[in-house]
Protein backbone atom coordinates (compact mmCIF):
# COMPACT_ATOMS: atom_id res chain seq x y z
CA MET A 1 149.91 -28.71 -105.38
CA VAL A 2 152.74 -31.02 -106.32
CA LEU A 3 155.22 -28.89 -104.38
CA ILE A 4 153.00 -28.85 -101.28
CA ALA A 5 152.43 -32.61 -101.50
CA THR A 6 156.18 -33.21 -101.94
CA LEU A 7 157.02 -31.10 -98.90
CA LEU A 8 154.35 -32.84 -96.82
CA GLN A 9 155.51 -36.25 -98.04
CA ALA A 10 159.14 -35.50 -97.18
CA SER A 11 158.52 -34.05 -93.75
CA GLY A 12 154.94 -33.81 -92.50
CA VAL A 13 153.44 -37.21 -93.23
CA ASP A 14 155.20 -38.73 -90.22
CA THR A 15 152.58 -37.20 -87.94
CA ILE A 16 149.88 -39.52 -89.32
CA ALA A 17 152.13 -42.54 -89.86
CA VAL A 18 151.53 -45.85 -88.13
CA THR A 19 154.97 -46.14 -86.56
CA ARG A 20 154.47 -49.68 -85.31
CA PHE A 21 154.32 -50.96 -88.90
CA ASN A 22 156.46 -48.16 -90.45
CA VAL A 23 153.55 -47.23 -92.74
CA ALA A 24 152.55 -43.76 -93.89
CA PRO A 25 150.25 -42.66 -96.69
CA ASP A 26 151.82 -41.76 -100.02
CA LEU A 27 150.41 -38.32 -100.76
CA LEU A 28 152.14 -38.16 -104.13
CA LEU A 29 150.53 -41.45 -105.18
CA ILE A 30 147.12 -40.07 -104.20
CA LEU A 31 147.79 -36.87 -106.14
CA MET A 32 148.96 -38.83 -109.20
CA VAL A 33 145.81 -40.97 -109.22
CA PHE A 34 143.68 -37.84 -108.74
CA PHE A 35 145.20 -36.16 -111.79
CA ALA A 36 145.06 -39.37 -113.83
CA ILE A 37 141.30 -39.67 -113.34
CA ARG A 38 140.35 -35.99 -113.29
CA CYS A 39 142.44 -34.52 -116.13
CA ASN A 40 142.60 -35.19 -119.83
CA VAL A 41 145.13 -37.76 -121.03
CA ASN A 42 147.92 -35.34 -121.98
CA GLU A 43 147.75 -33.48 -118.67
CA ALA A 44 147.60 -36.78 -116.78
CA ILE A 45 150.72 -38.12 -118.51
CA ILE A 46 152.73 -34.98 -117.84
CA SER A 47 151.59 -34.76 -114.22
CA SER A 48 152.36 -38.47 -113.65
CA PHE A 49 155.98 -38.04 -114.71
CA VAL A 50 156.35 -34.79 -112.74
CA ILE A 51 154.86 -36.38 -109.62
CA GLY A 52 157.13 -39.40 -110.11
CA PHE A 53 160.13 -37.07 -110.21
CA ALA A 54 158.87 -35.37 -107.05
CA ALA A 55 158.46 -38.79 -105.39
CA ASP A 56 162.07 -39.63 -106.21
CA VAL A 57 163.19 -36.32 -104.73
CA ALA A 58 161.03 -36.79 -101.60
CA THR A 59 162.29 -40.31 -100.88
CA GLY A 60 165.92 -39.43 -101.50
CA PHE A 61 166.67 -42.79 -103.10
CA LEU A 62 168.01 -43.63 -106.52
CA MET A 63 166.72 -41.19 -109.10
CA GLY A 64 164.46 -42.63 -111.76
CA PRO A 65 162.47 -45.63 -110.48
CA ARG A 66 159.48 -43.61 -109.32
CA VAL A 67 159.56 -41.40 -112.43
CA ILE A 68 159.29 -44.48 -114.62
CA SER A 69 156.76 -46.37 -112.49
CA PHE A 70 154.51 -43.37 -111.78
CA GLY A 71 154.73 -42.33 -115.42
CA LEU A 72 153.77 -45.77 -116.73
CA PHE A 73 150.98 -46.43 -114.24
CA GLY A 74 149.63 -42.88 -114.41
CA THR A 75 149.53 -43.08 -118.20
CA GLY A 76 147.84 -46.46 -118.07
CA LEU A 77 145.25 -45.22 -115.59
CA ALA A 78 144.56 -42.12 -117.70
CA TYR A 79 143.91 -44.28 -120.77
CA LEU A 80 141.85 -46.73 -118.70
CA HIS A 81 139.78 -43.83 -117.40
CA ARG A 82 138.75 -43.06 -120.99
CA VAL A 83 137.00 -46.45 -121.01
CA ILE A 84 135.95 -46.90 -117.36
CA THR A 85 134.56 -44.04 -115.31
CA ILE A 86 136.09 -43.82 -111.84
CA ARG A 87 133.90 -41.54 -109.75
CA LYS A 88 132.69 -43.46 -106.70
CA MET A 89 134.82 -43.43 -103.57
CA PHE A 90 135.20 -47.20 -103.57
CA HIS A 91 136.44 -47.19 -107.16
CA GLU A 92 138.86 -44.36 -106.41
CA SER A 93 140.14 -46.29 -103.42
CA LEU A 94 140.55 -49.44 -105.51
CA ALA A 95 142.42 -47.48 -108.18
CA ILE A 96 144.80 -46.06 -105.57
CA LEU A 97 145.39 -49.52 -104.12
CA VAL A 98 146.09 -51.18 -107.47
CA VAL A 99 148.26 -48.34 -108.79
CA GLY A 100 150.09 -48.10 -105.46
CA LEU A 101 150.94 -51.79 -105.45
CA GLY A 102 151.88 -51.82 -109.14
CA ALA A 103 153.90 -48.61 -109.22
CA GLY A 104 155.55 -49.37 -105.89
CA GLY A 105 156.43 -52.89 -106.97
CA LEU A 106 157.88 -51.65 -110.25
CA ALA A 107 159.86 -48.93 -108.47
CA LEU A 108 161.22 -51.53 -106.05
CA LEU A 109 162.20 -53.81 -108.93
CA LEU A 110 163.88 -50.95 -110.81
CA SER A 111 165.75 -49.96 -107.64
CA LEU A 112 167.01 -53.51 -107.24
CA LEU A 113 168.08 -53.60 -110.89
CA GLY A 114 169.85 -50.28 -110.34
CA GLY A 115 172.03 -51.83 -107.65
CA GLN A 116 170.26 -50.53 -104.58
CA SER A 117 169.57 -53.05 -101.83
CA ALA A 118 166.02 -53.55 -100.61
CA ARG A 119 165.12 -52.61 -97.07
CA PRO A 120 163.95 -55.45 -94.83
CA GLY A 121 160.17 -55.79 -95.03
CA ALA A 122 159.93 -53.62 -98.12
CA LEU A 123 156.98 -55.58 -99.52
CA GLY A 124 155.06 -55.27 -96.25
CA VAL A 125 155.69 -51.53 -96.14
CA LEU A 126 154.61 -51.29 -99.80
CA ALA A 127 151.36 -53.13 -99.08
CA GLY A 128 150.68 -51.11 -95.93
CA THR A 129 151.41 -47.82 -97.64
CA SER A 130 149.12 -48.73 -100.54
CA ILE A 131 146.28 -49.73 -98.20
CA TYR A 132 146.69 -46.61 -96.05
CA SER A 133 146.75 -44.41 -99.15
CA ALA A 134 143.68 -46.18 -100.55
CA VAL A 135 141.74 -45.50 -97.35
CA LEU A 136 142.81 -41.85 -97.08
CA GLY A 137 142.81 -41.02 -100.81
CA PRO A 138 139.10 -40.57 -101.60
CA PHE A 139 138.73 -38.14 -98.71
CA LEU A 140 141.69 -36.14 -99.99
CA PHE A 141 140.04 -36.23 -103.44
CA LEU A 142 137.09 -34.34 -101.93
CA LEU A 143 139.46 -31.72 -100.53
CA LEU A 144 141.32 -31.43 -103.84
CA GLU A 145 138.07 -31.14 -105.81
CA TRP A 146 136.88 -28.43 -103.46
CA SER A 147 140.17 -26.51 -103.65
CA MET A 148 140.22 -26.74 -107.46
CA ARG A 149 136.48 -26.04 -107.67
CA ILE A 150 135.81 -29.22 -109.62
CA LYS A 151 132.13 -30.10 -109.71
CA ASN A 152 131.81 -33.50 -111.32
CA ARG A 153 130.45 -35.68 -108.56
CA ARG A 154 126.88 -36.72 -109.13
CA ARG A 155 124.36 -36.10 -106.44
CA GLY A 156 121.20 -38.16 -106.66
CA PRO A 157 119.88 -40.09 -109.65
CA PRO A 158 121.05 -39.27 -113.17
CA PRO A 159 118.87 -36.87 -115.16
CA ALA A 160 116.10 -38.39 -117.24
CA THR A 161 116.66 -38.58 -120.97
CA ARG A 162 113.99 -38.23 -123.61
């Protein structure tokens, strides 16, 4: 899944991009948040760093900022998920938005510290990408859950307890 998402991020996501604002969804961010809230902590940490590495490869920029930022925010979200259940689409969307802004901001800061110059309007693109990903993400979660045969969404009221 990471390989498919990386290939789509590097080449195919331009078909659904909003070219006027230079904004496209970040499929790897969506996948990282999915694994962080659907897997156990150890799997989420490993997948966050692997997806961060794939994000660095897909963007073609300085190697390392996305590995660090995705790893830190994915780990934090996995530990947060042990305390707060994130199952509703709105909560998933909010998690993608917050993690997208945080991880993207940290990656931008690390890139600047690494000597790379920031593109004009980088913060606007970061905000737009995070919002676009947050809108698209929960629907992709449904597709990912179906493809992985995960059945953990609740339908209807919770069962009665005695």
